[in-house]
């Protein structure tokens, strides 16, 4: 069973503009766009937790998403959503514009879980 999680990408217009200027600078003088503008972190993401990791605590695989502009304002600064498909029997690390949390899918519903449940799940499902 699966569920869809939506995260609003607040300020997505700025992220897109920064990427455009970075690419333009790099096209003119390789590396200059990256040096000048750097990278703009996404306002939200979802990652499947696949195990433990010494550096980041949990090994994660970041999920691809589909952008939905149907509710966006004229600038694209609000109302742009990233839609993720989550599956049962997996656990996820989610960061949206307000918080970071862990979740899983149970009977088509997205259920929040705490970090001790994440550790317990990983211990029981390690290969």
PDB file of N, CA and C in Angstrom:
ATOM      1  N   UNK A   1       0.834  -1.179   0.000  1.00  0.00           N
ATOM      2  CA  UNK A   1       0.000   0.000   0.000  1.00  0.00           C
ATOM      3  C   UNK A   1       0.879   1.242   0.000  1.00  0.00           C
ATOM      4  N   UNK A   2       0.358   2.281  -0.596  1.00  0.00           N
ATOM      5  CA  UNK A   2       1.131   3.506  -0.744  1.00  0.00           C
ATOM      6  C   UNK A   2       0.316   4.701  -0.280  1.00  0.00           C
ATOM      7  N   UNK A   3       1.018   5.803  -0.049  1.00  0.00           N
ATOM      8  CA  UNK A   3       0.379   7.067   0.309  1.00  0.00           C
ATOM      9  C   UNK A   3       1.164   8.191  -0.351  1.00  0.00           C
ATOM     10  N   UNK A   4       0.487   9.300  -0.571  1.00  0.00           N
ATOM     11  CA  UNK A   4       1.147  10.464  -1.169  1.00  0.00           C
ATOM     12  C   UNK A   4       1.352  11.518  -0.095  1.00  0.00           C
ATOM     13  N   UNK A   5       2.573  12.013   0.000  1.00  0.00           N
ATOM     14  CA  UNK A   5       2.923  13.079   0.937  1.00  0.00           C
ATOM     15  C   UNK A   5       3.237  14.328   0.131  1.00  0.00           C
ATOM     16  N   UNK A   6       2.624  15.438   0.510  1.00  0.00           N
ATOM     17  CA  UNK A   6       2.880  16.718  -0.149  1.00  0.00           C
ATOM     18  C   UNK A   6       3.641  17.636   0.789  1.00  0.00           C
ATOM     19  N   UNK A   7       4.664  18.285   0.247  1.00  0.00           N
ATOM     20  CA  UNK A   7       5.430  19.276   0.997  1.00  0.00           C
ATOM     21  C   UNK A   7       5.428  20.566   0.193  1.00  0.00           C
ATOM     22  N   UNK A   8       5.048  21.670   0.840  1.00  0.00           N
ATOM     23  CA  UNK A   8       5.075  22.950   0.139  1.00  0.00           C
ATOM     24  C   UNK A   8       6.516  23.430   0.027  1.00  0.00           C
ATOM     25  N   UNK A   9       6.902  23.792  -1.170  1.00  0.00           N
ATOM     26  CA  UNK A   9       8.256  24.286  -1.430  1.00  0.00           C
ATOM     27  C   UNK A   9       8.234  25.811  -1.377  1.00  0.00           C
ATOM     28  N   UNK A  10       8.192  26.335  -0.161  1.00  0.00           N
ATOM     29  CA  UNK A  10       8.122  27.784   0.027  1.00  0.00           C
ATOM     30  C   UNK A  10       9.390  28.424  -0.526  1.00  0.00           C
ATOM     31  N   UNK A  11       9.216  29.469  -1.325  1.00  0.00           N
ATOM     32  CA  UNK A  11      10.360  30.162  -1.918  1.00  0.00           C
ATOM     33  C   UNK A  11      10.967  29.429  -3.093  1.00  0.00           C
ATOM     34  N   UNK A  12      10.212  28.540  -3.713  1.00  0.00           N
ATOM     35  CA  UNK A  12      10.746  27.768  -4.839  1.00  0.00           C
ATOM     36  C   UNK A  12      11.185  28.673  -5.982  1.00  0.00           C
ATOM     37  N   UNK A  13      10.541  29.822  -6.134  1.00  0.00           N
ATOM     38  CA  UNK A  13      10.936  30.749  -7.201  1.00  0.00           C
ATOM     39  C   UNK A  13      12.372  31.235  -7.008  1.00  0.00           C
ATOM     40  N   UNK A  14      12.789  31.455  -5.773  1.00  0.00           N
ATOM     41  CA  UNK A  14      14.163  31.903  -5.488  1.00  0.00           C
ATOM     42  C   UNK A  14      15.150  30.782  -5.801  1.00  0.00           C
ATOM     43  N   UNK A  15      14.806  29.557  -5.416  1.00  0.00           N
ATOM     44  CA  UNK A  15      15.677  28.411  -5.696  1.00  0.00           C
ATOM     45  C   UNK A  15      15.877  28.270  -7.201  1.00  0.00           C
ATOM     46  N   UNK A  16      14.793  28.370  -7.965  1.00  0.00           N
ATOM     47  CA  UNK A  16      14.894  28.243  -9.422  1.00  0.00           C
ATOM     48  C   UNK A  16      15.720  29.376 -10.023  1.00  0.00           C
ATOM     49  N   UNK A  17      15.534  30.588  -9.507  1.00  0.00           N
ATOM     50  CA  UNK A  17      16.298  31.735 -10.014  1.00  0.00           C
ATOM     51  C   UNK A  17      17.789  31.582  -9.711  1.00  0.00           C
ATOM     52  N   UNK A  18      18.111  31.117  -8.516  1.00  0.00           N
ATOM     53  CA  UNK A  18      19.520  30.900  -8.148  1.00  0.00           C
ATOM     54  C   UNK A  18      20.157  29.848  -9.057  1.00  0.00           C
ATOM     55  N   UNK A  19      19.432  28.786  -9.345  1.00  0.00           N
ATOM     56  CA  UNK A  19      19.961  27.747 -10.236  1.00  0.00           C
ATOM     57  C   UNK A  19      20.207  28.305 -11.636  1.00  0.00           C
ATOM     58  N   UNK A  20      19.291  29.153 -12.099  1.00  0.00           N
ATOM     59  CA  UNK A  20      19.450  29.745 -13.424  1.00  0.00           C
ATOM     60  C   UNK A  20      20.719  30.607 -13.487  1.00  0.00           C
ATOM     61  N   UNK A  21      20.917  31.479 -12.488  1.00  0.00           N
ATOM     62  CA  UNK A  21      22.098  32.348 -12.480  1.00  0.00           C
ATOM     63  C   UNK A  21      23.386  31.544 -12.316  1.00  0.00           C
ATOM     64  N   UNK A  22      23.328  30.480 -11.516  1.00  0.00           N
ATOM     65  CA  UNK A  22      24.506  29.620 -11.351  1.00  0.00           C
ATOM     66  C   UNK A  22      24.876  28.974 -12.680  1.00  0.00           C
ATOM     67  N   UNK A  23      23.884  28.425 -13.385  1.00  0.00           N
ATOM     68  CA  UNK A  23      24.149  27.813 -14.693  1.00  0.00           C
ATOM     69  C   UNK A  23      24.669  28.830 -15.700  1.00  0.00           C
ATOM     70  N   UNK A  24      24.080  30.013 -15.722  1.00  0.00           N
ATOM     71  CA  UNK A  24      24.511  31.057 -16.648  1.00  0.00           C
ATOM     72  C   UNK A  24      25.961  31.447 -16.381  1.00  0.00           C
ATOM     73  N   UNK A  25      26.302  31.654 -15.113  1.00  0.00           N
ATOM     74  CA  UNK A  25      27.685  31.984 -14.755  1.00  0.00           C
ATOM     75  C   UNK A  25      28.648  30.880 -15.131  1.00  0.00           C
ATOM     76  N   UNK A  26      28.256  29.635 -14.889  1.00  0.00           N
ATOM     77  CA  UNK A  26      29.119  28.502 -15.231  1.00  0.00           C
ATOM     78  C   UNK A  26      29.277  28.345 -16.739  1.00  0.00           C
ATOM     79  N   UNK A  27      28.243  28.711 -17.509  1.00  0.00           N
ATOM     80  CA  UNK A  27      28.356  28.654 -18.971  1.00  0.00           C
ATOM     81  C   UNK A  27      29.339  29.697 -19.489  1.00  0.00           C
ATOM     82  N   UNK A  28      29.333  30.878 -18.875  1.00  0.00           N
ATOM     83  CA  UNK A  28      30.233  31.951 -19.315  1.00  0.00           C
ATOM     84  C   UNK A  28      31.676  31.680 -18.904  1.00  0.00           C
ATOM     85  N   UNK A  29      31.870  31.401 -17.627  1.00  0.00           N
ATOM     86  CA  UNK A  29      33.197  31.082 -17.088  1.00  0.00           C
ATOM     87  C   UNK A  29      33.009  29.878 -16.168  1.00  0.00           C
ATOM     88  N   UNK A  30      33.495  28.705 -16.582  1.00  0.00           N
ATOM     89  CA  UNK A  30      33.275  27.501 -15.778  1.00  0.00           C
ATOM     90  C   UNK A  30      33.664  27.700 -14.308  1.00  0.00           C
ATOM     91  N   UNK A  31      32.725  27.378 -13.435  1.00  0.00           N
ATOM     92  CA  UNK A  31      32.952  27.478 -11.994  1.00  0.00           C
ATOM     93  C   UNK A  31      32.575  28.816 -11.393  1.00  0.00           C
ATOM     94  N   UNK A  32      32.419  29.855 -12.220  1.00  0.00           N
ATOM     95  CA  UNK A  32      32.145  31.187 -11.659  1.00  0.00           C
ATOM     96  C   UNK A  32      30.737  31.281 -11.069  1.00  0.00           C
ATOM     97  N   UNK A  33      29.765  30.638 -11.699  1.00  0.00           N
ATOM     98  CA  UNK A  33      28.406  30.671 -11.163  1.00  0.00           C
ATOM     99  C   UNK A  33      28.316  29.963  -9.826  1.00  0.00           C
ATOM    100  N   UNK A  34      28.962  28.816  -9.715  1.00  0.00           N
ATOM    101  CA  UNK A  34      28.955  28.067  -8.455  1.00  0.00           C
ATOM    102  C   UNK A  34      29.682  28.832  -7.364  1.00  0.00           C
ATOM    103  N   UNK A  35      30.792  29.480  -7.731  1.00  0.00           N
ATOM    104  CA  UNK A  35      31.561  30.246  -6.748  1.00  0.00           C
ATOM    105  C   UNK A  35      30.786  31.476  -6.284  1.00  0.00           C
ATOM    106  N   UNK A  36      30.079  32.110  -7.192  1.00  0.00           N
ATOM    107  CA  UNK A  36      29.351  33.334  -6.858  1.00  0.00           C
ATOM    108  C   UNK A  36      28.063  33.052  -6.098  1.00  0.00           C
ATOM    109  N   UNK A  37      27.276  32.111  -6.579  1.00  0.00           N
ATOM    110  CA  UNK A  37      25.951  31.889  -6.009  1.00  0.00           C
ATOM    111  C   UNK A  37      25.868  30.682  -5.089  1.00  0.00           C
ATOM    112  N   UNK A  38      26.828  29.781  -5.178  1.00  0.00           N
ATOM    113  CA  UNK A  38      26.791  28.578  -4.352  1.00  0.00           C
ATOM    114  C   UNK A  38      25.578  27.733  -4.674  1.00  0.00           C
ATOM    115  N   UNK A  39      25.126  26.982  -3.697  1.00  0.00           N
ATOM    116  CA  UNK A  39      23.929  26.170  -3.909  1.00  0.00           C
ATOM    117  C   UNK A  39      22.849  26.625  -2.943  1.00  0.00           C
ATOM    118  N   UNK A  40      21.648  26.541  -3.379  1.00  0.00           N
ATOM    119  CA  UNK A  40      20.499  26.928  -2.564  1.00  0.00           C
ATOM    120  C   UNK A  40      19.832  25.643  -2.079  1.00  0.00           C
ATOM    121  N   UNK A  41      19.847  25.388  -0.786  1.00  0.00           N
ATOM    122  CA  UNK A  41      19.271  24.128  -0.302  1.00  0.00           C
ATOM    123  C   UNK A  41      17.764  24.092  -0.522  1.00  0.00           C
ATOM    124  N   UNK A  42      17.224  22.916  -0.773  1.00  0.00           N
ATOM    125  CA  UNK A  42      15.776  22.813  -0.964  1.00  0.00           C
ATOM    126  C   UNK A  42      15.036  23.113   0.336  1.00  0.00           C
ATOM    127  N   UNK A  43      13.822  23.627   0.207  1.00  0.00           N
ATOM    128  CA  UNK A  43      13.048  23.943   1.408  1.00  0.00           C
ATOM    129  C   UNK A  43      12.403  22.700   2.010  1.00  0.00           C
ATOM    130  N   UNK A  44      12.431  21.592   1.298  1.00  0.00           N
ATOM    131  CA  UNK A  44      11.884  20.352   1.830  1.00  0.00           C
ATOM    132  C   UNK A  44      12.377  19.151   1.056  1.00  0.00           C
ATOM    133  N   UNK A  45      12.351  17.996   1.706  1.00  0.00           N
ATOM    134  CA  UNK A  45      12.761  16.751   1.064  1.00  0.00           C
ATOM    135  C   UNK A  45      12.206  15.564   1.843  1.00  0.00           C
ATOM    136  N   UNK A  46      12.233  14.401   1.204  1.00  0.00           N
ATOM    137  CA  UNK A  46      11.850  13.137   1.840  1.00  0.00           C
ATOM    138  C   UNK A  46      12.911  12.112   1.485  1.00  0.00           C
ATOM    139  N   UNK A  47      13.362  11.364   2.488  1.00  0.00           N
ATOM    140  CA  UNK A  47      14.373  10.334   2.265  1.00  0.00           C
ATOM    141  C   UNK A  47      13.938   9.034   2.937  1.00  0.00           C
ATOM    142  N   UNK A  48      14.111   7.936   2.224  1.00  0.00           N
ATOM    143  CA  UNK A  48      13.882   6.621   2.825  1.00  0.00           C
ATOM    144  C   UNK A  48      15.093   6.293   3.679  1.00  0.00           C
ATOM    145  N   UNK A  49      14.858   5.867   4.907  1.00  0.00           N
ATOM    146  CA  UNK A  49      15.950   5.469   5.794  1.00  0.00           C
ATOM    147  C   UNK A  49      16.252   4.006   5.509  1.00  0.00           C
ATOM    148  N   UNK A  50      17.505   3.730   5.152  1.00  0.00           N
ATOM    149  CA  UNK A  50      17.877   2.377   4.730  1.00  0.00           C
ATOM    150  C   UNK A  50      18.797   1.662   5.714  1.00  0.00           C
ATOM    151  N   UNK A  51      19.265   2.358   6.737  1.00  0.00           N
ATOM    152  CA  UNK A  51      20.156   1.737   7.705  1.00  0.00           C
ATOM    153  C   UNK A  51      20.808   2.790   8.579  1.00  0.00           C
ATOM    154  N   UNK A  52      21.830   2.361   9.309  1.00  0.00           N
ATOM    155  CA  UNK A  52      22.586   3.280  10.156  1.00  0.00           C
ATOM    156  C   UNK A  52      23.775   3.821   9.374  1.00  0.00           C
ATOM    157  N   UNK A  53      24.245   5.009   9.743  1.00  0.00           N
ATOM    158  CA  UNK A  53      25.380   5.636   9.081  1.00  0.00           C
ATOM    159  C   UNK A  53      26.214   6.354  10.135  1.00  0.00           C
ATOM    160  N   UNK A  54      27.534   6.172  10.082  1.00  0.00           N
ATOM    161  CA  UNK A  54      28.405   6.792  11.078  1.00  0.00           C
ATOM    162  C   UNK A  54      28.425   8.313  10.973  1.00  0.00           C
ATOM    163  N   UNK A  55      28.403   8.838   9.768  1.00  0.00           N
ATOM    164  CA  UNK A  55      28.500  10.287   9.589  1.00  0.00           C
ATOM    165  C   UNK A  55      27.159  11.000   9.791  1.00  0.00           C
ATOM    166  N   UNK A  56      26.098  10.462   9.208  1.00  0.00           N
ATOM    167  CA  UNK A  56      24.804  11.149   9.229  1.00  0.00           C
ATOM    168  C   UNK A  56      23.773  10.517  10.159  1.00  0.00           C
ATOM    169  N   UNK A  57      24.165   9.520  10.922  1.00  0.00           N
ATOM    170  CA  UNK A  57      23.315   8.767  11.839  1.00  0.00           C
ATOM    171  C   UNK A  57      22.488   7.707  11.113  1.00  0.00           C
ATOM    172  N   UNK A  58      21.823   8.107  10.011  1.00  0.00           N
ATOM    173  CA  UNK A  58      21.025   7.161   9.234  1.00  0.00           C
ATOM    174  C   UNK A  58      21.427   7.231   7.767  1.00  0.00           C
ATOM    175  N   UNK A  59      21.544   6.067   7.149  1.00  0.00           N
ATOM    176  CA  UNK A  59      21.767   6.012   5.697  1.00  0.00           C
ATOM    177  C   UNK A  59      20.420   6.299   5.044  1.00  0.00           C
ATOM    178  N   UNK A  60      20.431   7.174   4.058  1.00  0.00           N
ATOM    179  CA  UNK A  60      19.171   7.602   3.448  1.00  0.00           C
ATOM    180  C   UNK A  60      19.284   7.611   1.932  1.00  0.00           C
ATOM    181  N   UNK A  61      18.163   7.380   1.307  1.00  0.00           N
ATOM    182  CA  UNK A  61      18.033   7.522  -0.139  1.00  0.00           C
ATOM    183  C   UNK A  61      16.965   8.581  -0.373  1.00  0.00           C
ATOM    184  N   UNK A  62      17.369   9.697  -0.971  1.00  0.00           N
ATOM    185  CA  UNK A  62      16.432  10.790  -1.194  1.00  0.00           C
ATOM    186  C   UNK A  62      15.499  10.449  -2.352  1.00  0.00           C
ATOM    187  N   UNK A  63      14.218  10.661  -2.128  1.00  0.00           N
ATOM    188  CA  UNK A  63      13.204  10.299  -3.112  1.00  0.00           C
ATOM    189  C   UNK A  63      13.027  11.391  -4.164  1.00  0.00           C
ATOM    190  N   UNK A  64      12.697  10.955  -5.358  1.00  0.00           N
ATOM    191  CA  UNK A  64      12.328  11.893  -6.415  1.00  0.00           C
ATOM    192  C   UNK A  64      10.893  12.332  -6.163  1.00  0.00           C
ATOM    193  N   UNK A  65      10.562  13.493  -6.693  1.00  0.00           N
ATOM    194  CA  UNK A  65       9.221  14.019  -6.481  1.00  0.00           C
ATOM    195  C   UNK A  65       8.667  14.621  -7.760  1.00  0.00           C
ATOM    196  N   UNK A  66       7.368  14.832  -7.738  1.00  0.00           N
ATOM    197  CA  UNK A  66       6.688  15.507  -8.841  1.00  0.00           C
ATOM    198  C   UNK A  66       6.256  16.868  -8.318  1.00  0.00           C
ATOM    199  N   UNK A  67       6.580  17.928  -9.056  1.00  0.00           N
ATOM    200  CA  UNK A  67       6.177  19.272  -8.645  1.00  0.00           C
ATOM    201  C   UNK A  67       4.778  19.573  -9.148  1.00  0.00           C
ATOM    202  N   UNK A  68       3.979  20.140  -8.257  1.00  0.00           N
ATOM    203  CA  UNK A  68       2.613  20.531  -8.588  1.00  0.00           C
ATOM    204  C   UNK A  68       2.500  22.047  -8.451  1.00  0.00           C
ATOM    205  N   UNK A  69       2.264  22.718  -9.574  1.00  0.00           N
ATOM    206  CA  UNK A  69       2.137  24.179  -9.595  1.00  0.00           C
ATOM    207  C   UNK A  69       0.675  24.628  -9.607  1.00  0.00           C
ATOM    208  N   UNK A  70      -0.267  23.723  -9.503  1.00  0.00           N
ATOM    209  CA  UNK A  70      -1.683  24.066  -9.685  1.00  0.00           C
ATOM    210  C   UNK A  70      -2.204  25.044  -8.636  1.00  0.00           C
ATOM    211  N   UNK A  71      -1.567  25.109  -7.466  1.00  0.00           N
ATOM    212  CA  UNK A  71      -2.012  26.021  -6.403  1.00  0.00           C
ATOM    213  C   UNK A  71      -1.039  27.172  -6.183  1.00  0.00           C
ATOM    214  N   UNK A  72      -0.082  27.334  -7.094  1.00  0.00           N
ATOM    215  CA  UNK A  72       0.970  28.343  -6.917  1.00  0.00           C
ATOM    216  C   UNK A  72       0.438  29.757  -7.134  1.00  0.00           C
ATOM    217  N   UNK A  73       1.054  30.708  -6.407  1.00  0.00           N
ATOM    218  CA  UNK A  73       0.732  32.106  -6.666  1.00  0.00           C
ATOM    219  C   UNK A  73       1.462  32.548  -7.932  1.00  0.00           C
ATOM    220  N   UNK A  74       1.283  33.787  -8.333  1.00  0.00           N
ATOM    221  CA  UNK A  74       1.829  34.245  -9.618  1.00  0.00           C
ATOM    222  C   UNK A  74       3.353  34.227  -9.667  1.00  0.00           C
ATOM    223  N   UNK A  75       4.015  34.373  -8.520  1.00  0.00           N
ATOM    224  CA  UNK A  75       5.483  34.365  -8.485  1.00  0.00           C
ATOM    225  C   UNK A  75       6.065  32.966  -8.303  1.00  0.00           C
ATOM    226  N   UNK A  76       5.268  32.059  -7.779  1.00  0.00           N
ATOM    227  CA  UNK A  76       5.774  30.725  -7.471  1.00  0.00           C
ATOM    228  C   UNK A  76       6.471  30.669  -6.128  1.00  0.00           C
ATOM    229  N   UNK A  77       6.266  31.703  -5.306  1.00  0.00           N
ATOM    230  CA  UNK A  77       6.899  31.714  -3.985  1.00  0.00           C
ATOM    231  C   UNK A  77       6.112  30.900  -2.963  1.00  0.00           C
ATOM    232  N   UNK A  78       4.817  30.701  -3.205  1.00  0.00           N
ATOM    233  CA  UNK A  78       3.970  29.894  -2.336  1.00  0.00           C
ATOM    234  C   UNK A  78       3.070  29.027  -3.201  1.00  0.00           C
ATOM    235  N   UNK A  79       2.626  27.922  -2.647  1.00  0.00           N
ATOM    236  CA  UNK A  79       1.674  27.061  -3.330  1.00  0.00           C
ATOM    237  C   UNK A  79       2.281  26.065  -4.295  1.00  0.00           C
ATOM    238  N   UNK A  80       3.611  25.996  -4.352  1.00  0.00           N
ATOM    239  CA  UNK A  80       4.276  24.970  -5.163  1.00  0.00           C
ATOM    240  C   UNK A  80       4.507  23.774  -4.236  1.00  0.00           C
ATOM    241  N   UNK A  81       4.059  22.598  -4.652  1.00  0.00           N
ATOM    242  CA  UNK A  81       4.159  21.413  -3.804  1.00  0.00           C
ATOM    243  C   UNK A  81       4.997  20.325  -4.461  1.00  0.00           C
ATOM    244  N   UNK A  82       5.768  19.638  -3.631  1.00  0.00           N
ATOM    245  CA  UNK A  82       6.477  18.432  -4.056  1.00  0.00           C
ATOM    246  C   UNK A  82       5.631  17.257  -3.585  1.00  0.00           C
ATOM    247  N   UNK A  83       5.316  16.351  -4.493  1.00  0.00           N
ATOM    248  CA  UNK A  83       4.508  15.178  -4.163  1.00  0.00           C
ATOM    249  C   UNK A  83       5.393  13.939  -4.174  1.00  0.00           C
ATOM    250  N   UNK A  84       5.399  13.234  -3.056  1.00  0.00           N
ATOM    251  CA  UNK A  84       6.208  12.027  -2.894  1.00  0.00           C
ATOM    252  C   UNK A  84       5.288  10.825  -2.713  1.00  0.00           C
ATOM    253  N   UNK A  85       5.671   9.700  -3.285  1.00  0.00           N
ATOM    254  CA  UNK A  85       4.937   8.452  -3.079  1.00  0.00           C
ATOM    255  C   UNK A  85       5.687   7.638  -2.030  1.00  0.00           C
ATOM    256  N   UNK A  86       5.016   7.374  -0.911  1.00  0.00           N
ATOM    257  CA  UNK A  86       5.599   6.591   0.181  1.00  0.00           C
ATOM    258  C   UNK A  86       4.973   5.203   0.186  1.00  0.00           C
ATOM    259  N   UNK A  87       5.771   4.207   0.559  1.00  0.00           N
ATOM    260  CA  UNK A  87       5.315   2.817   0.551  1.00  0.00           C
ATOM    261  C   UNK A  87       5.321   2.233   1.955  1.00  0.00           C
ATOM    262  N   UNK A  88       4.455   1.235   2.153  1.00  0.00           N
ATOM    263  CA  UNK A  88       4.465   0.501   3.418  1.00  0.00           C
ATOM    264  C   UNK A  88       5.754  -0.301   3.526  1.00  0.00           C
ATOM    265  N   UNK A  89       6.078  -0.706   4.735  1.00  0.00           N
ATOM    266  CA  UNK A  89       7.276  -1.502   5.026  1.00  0.00           C
ATOM    267  C   UNK A  89       8.564  -0.703   4.850  1.00  0.00           C
ATOM    268  N   UNK A  90       8.455   0.618   4.841  1.00  0.00           N
ATOM    269  CA  UNK A  90       9.629   1.490   4.771  1.00  0.00           C
ATOM    270  C   UNK A  90       9.422   2.619   5.765  1.00  0.00           C
ATOM    271  N   UNK A  91      10.535   3.236   6.168  1.00  0.00           N
ATOM    272  CA  UNK A  91      10.443   4.395   7.054  1.00  0.00           C
ATOM    273  C   UNK A  91      11.129   5.575   6.381  1.00  0.00           C
ATOM    274  N   UNK A  92      10.680   6.772   6.735  1.00  0.00           N
ATOM    275  CA  UNK A  92      11.113   7.966   6.024  1.00  0.00           C
ATOM    276  C   UNK A  92      11.528   9.078   6.982  1.00  0.00           C
ATOM    277  N   UNK A  93      12.496   9.855   6.536  1.00  0.00           N
ATOM    278  CA  UNK A  93      12.954  11.074   7.195  1.00  0.00           C
ATOM    279  C   UNK A  93      12.422  12.218   6.335  1.00  0.00           C
ATOM    280  N   UNK A  94      11.639  13.109   6.937  1.00  0.00           N
ATOM    281  CA  UNK A  94      10.979  14.175   6.183  1.00  0.00           C
ATOM    282  C   UNK A  94      11.388  15.528   6.739  1.00  0.00           C
ATOM    283  N   UNK A  95      11.720  16.452   5.838  1.00  0.00           N
ATOM    284  CA  UNK A  95      11.981  17.835   6.228  1.00  0.00           C
ATOM    285  C   UNK A  95      11.075  18.718   5.384  1.00  0.00           C
ATOM    286  N   UNK A  96      10.205  19.458   6.067  1.00  0.00           N
ATOM    287  CA  UNK A  96       9.406  20.445   5.350  1.00  0.00           C
ATOM    288  C   UNK A  96       9.808  21.831   5.841  1.00  0.00           C
ATOM    289  N   UNK A  97       9.078  22.848   5.464  1.00  0.00           N
ATOM    290  CA  UNK A  97       9.482  24.214   5.804  1.00  0.00           C
ATOM    291  C   UNK A  97       9.361  24.519   7.291  1.00  0.00           C
ATOM    292  N   UNK A  98       8.632  23.694   8.041  1.00  0.00           N
ATOM    293  CA  UNK A  98       8.407  23.963   9.456  1.00  0.00           C
ATOM    294  C   UNK A  98       9.124  23.015  10.399  1.00  0.00           C
ATOM    295  N   UNK A  99       9.292  21.772   9.993  1.00  0.00           N
ATOM    296  CA  UNK A  99       9.816  20.769  10.921  1.00  0.00           C
ATOM    297  C   UNK A  99      10.486  19.620  10.184  1.00  0.00           C
ATOM    298  N   UNK A 100      11.116  18.779  10.982  1.00  0.00           N
ATOM    299  CA  UNK A 100      11.704  17.545  10.475  1.00  0.00           C
ATOM    300  C   UNK A 100      11.137  16.413  11.317  1.00  0.00           C
ATOM    301  N   UNK A 101      10.756  15.318  10.668  1.00  0.00           N
ATOM    302  CA  UNK A 101      10.123  14.226  11.401  1.00  0.00           C
ATOM    303  C   UNK A 101      10.324  12.902  10.670  1.00  0.00           C
ATOM    304  N   UNK A 102       9.974  11.818  11.365  1.00  0.00           N
ATOM    305  CA  UNK A 102      10.032  10.472  10.804  1.00  0.00           C
ATOM    306  C   UNK A 102       8.602   9.977  10.615  1.00  0.00           C
ATOM    307  N   UNK A 103       8.412   9.149   9.589  1.00  0.00           N
ATOM    308  CA  UNK A 103       7.073   8.605   9.366  1.00  0.00           C
ATOM    309  C   UNK A 103       7.144   7.270   8.646  1.00  0.00           C
ATOM    310  N   UNK A 104       5.986   6.622   8.585  1.00  0.00           N
ATOM    311  CA  UNK A 104       5.819   5.376   7.838  1.00  0.00           C
ATOM    312  C   UNK A 104       4.394   5.365   7.296  1.00  0.00           C
ATOM    313  N   UNK A 105       4.095   4.404   6.437  1.00  0.00           N
ATOM    314  CA  UNK A 105       2.749   4.259   5.886  1.00  0.00           C
ATOM    315  C   UNK A 105       2.105   3.033   6.517  1.00  0.00           C
ATOM    316  N   UNK A 106       0.882   3.207   7.001  1.00  0.00           N
ATOM    317  CA  UNK A 106       0.120   2.113   7.602  1.00  0.00           C
ATOM    318  C   UNK A 106      -1.321   2.214   7.093  1.00  0.00           C
ATOM    319  N   UNK A 107      -1.745   1.232   6.292  1.00  0.00           N
ATOM    320  CA  UNK A 107      -3.102   1.228   5.719  1.00  0.00           C
ATOM    321  C   UNK A 107      -3.426   2.530   4.993  1.00  0.00           C
ATOM    322  N   UNK A 108      -2.595   2.914   4.079  1.00  0.00           N
ATOM    323  CA  UNK A 108      -2.746   4.111   3.240  1.00  0.00           C
ATOM    324  C   UNK A 108      -2.629   5.425   4.012  1.00  0.00           C
ATOM    325  N   UNK A 109      -2.306   5.354   5.290  1.00  0.00           N
ATOM    326  CA  UNK A 109      -2.189   6.559   6.111  1.00  0.00           C
ATOM    327  C   UNK A 109      -0.732   6.808   6.461  1.00  0.00           C
ATOM    328  N   UNK A 110      -0.333   8.065   6.485  1.00  0.00           N
ATOM    329  CA  UNK A 110       1.018   8.429   6.904  1.00  0.00           C
ATOM    330  C   UNK A 110       0.986   8.619   8.412  1.00  0.00           C
ATOM    331  N   UNK A 111       1.838   7.859   9.100  1.00  0.00           N
ATOM    332  CA  UNK A 111       1.858   7.849  10.561  1.00  0.00           C
ATOM    333  C   UNK A 111       3.210   8.376  11.034  1.00  0.00           C
ATOM    334  N   UNK A 112       3.186   9.362  11.932  1.00  0.00           N
ATOM    335  CA  UNK A 112       4.433   9.877  12.494  1.00  0.00           C
ATOM    336  C   UNK A 112       4.982   8.877  13.497  1.00  0.00           C
ATOM    337  N   UNK A 113       6.296   8.723  13.502  1.00  0.00           N
ATOM    338  CA  UNK A 113       6.961   7.846  14.465  1.00  0.00           C
ATOM    339  C   UNK A 113       8.108   8.617  15.098  1.00  0.00           C
ATOM    340  N   UNK A 114       8.540   8.159  16.270  1.00  0.00           N
ATOM    341  CA  UNK A 114       9.648   8.846  16.937  1.00  0.00           C
ATOM    342  C   UNK A 114      10.971   8.143  16.623  1.00  0.00           C
ATOM    343  N   UNK A 115      12.051   8.751  17.061  1.00  0.00           N
ATOM    344  CA  UNK A 115      13.374   8.232  16.704  1.00  0.00           C
ATOM    345  C   UNK A 115      13.659   6.865  17.313  1.00  0.00           C
ATOM    346  N   UNK A 116      13.140   6.592  18.496  1.00  0.00           N
ATOM    347  CA  UNK A 116      13.362   5.263  19.082  1.00  0.00           C
ATOM    348  C   UNK A 116      12.664   4.182  18.242  1.00  0.00           C
ATOM    349  N   UNK A 117      11.524   4.503  17.659  1.00  0.00           N
ATOM    350  CA  UNK A 117      10.848   3.559  16.765  1.00  0.00           C
ATOM    351  C   UNK A 117      11.649   3.346  15.482  1.00  0.00           C
ATOM    352  N   UNK A 118      12.321   4.391  15.015  1.00  0.00           N
ATOM    353  CA  UNK A 118      13.181   4.267  13.829  1.00  0.00           C
ATOM    354  C   UNK A 118      14.318   3.300  14.125  1.00  0.00           C
ATOM    355  N   UNK A 119      14.993   3.499  15.264  1.00  0.00           N
ATOM    356  CA  UNK A 119      16.109   2.618  15.631  1.00  0.00           C
ATOM    357  C   UNK A 119      15.639   1.174  15.794  1.00  0.00           C
ATOM    358  N   UNK A 120      14.501   0.981  16.436  1.00  0.00           N
ATOM    359  CA  UNK A 120      13.960  -0.366  16.638  1.00  0.00           C
ATOM    360  C   UNK A 120      13.620  -1.020  15.295  1.00  0.00           C
ATOM    361  N   UNK A 121      13.002  -0.254  14.397  1.00  0.00           N
ATOM    362  CA  UNK A 121      12.653  -0.774  13.074  1.00  0.00           C
ATOM    363  C   UNK A 121      13.911  -1.190  12.323  1.00  0.00           C
ATOM    364  N   UNK A 122      14.951  -0.361  12.375  1.00  0.00           N
ATOM    365  CA  UNK A 122      16.197  -0.682  11.674  1.00  0.00           C
ATOM    366  C   UNK A 122      16.861  -1.930  12.250  1.00  0.00           C
ATOM    367  N   UNK A 123      16.825  -2.085  13.565  1.00  0.00           N
ATOM    368  CA  UNK A 123      17.404  -3.282  14.183  1.00  0.00           C
ATOM    369  C   UNK A 123      16.665  -4.539  13.734  1.00  0.00           C
ATOM    370  N   UNK A 124      15.356  -4.448  13.613  1.00  0.00           N
ATOM    371  CA  UNK A 124      14.542  -5.607  13.220  1.00  0.00           C
ATOM    372  C   UNK A 124      14.580  -5.894  11.726  1.00  0.00           C
ATOM    373  N   UNK A 125      14.948  -4.916  10.920  1.00  0.00           N
ATOM    374  CA  UNK A 125      14.927  -5.081   9.467  1.00  0.00           C
ATOM    375  C   UNK A 125      16.312  -5.010   8.830  1.00  0.00           C
ATOM    376  N   UNK A 126      17.362  -5.051   9.646  1.00  0.00           N
ATOM    377  CA  UNK A 126      18.712  -4.997   9.059  1.00  0.00           C
ATOM    378  C   UNK A 126      19.023  -6.313   8.364  1.00  0.00           C
ATOM    379  N   UNK A 127      19.801  -6.195   7.295  1.00  0.00           N
ATOM    380  CA  UNK A 127      20.099  -7.364   6.457  1.00  0.00           C
ATOM    381  C   UNK A 127      21.253  -8.158   6.983  1.00  0.00           C
TER     382      UNK A 127
END
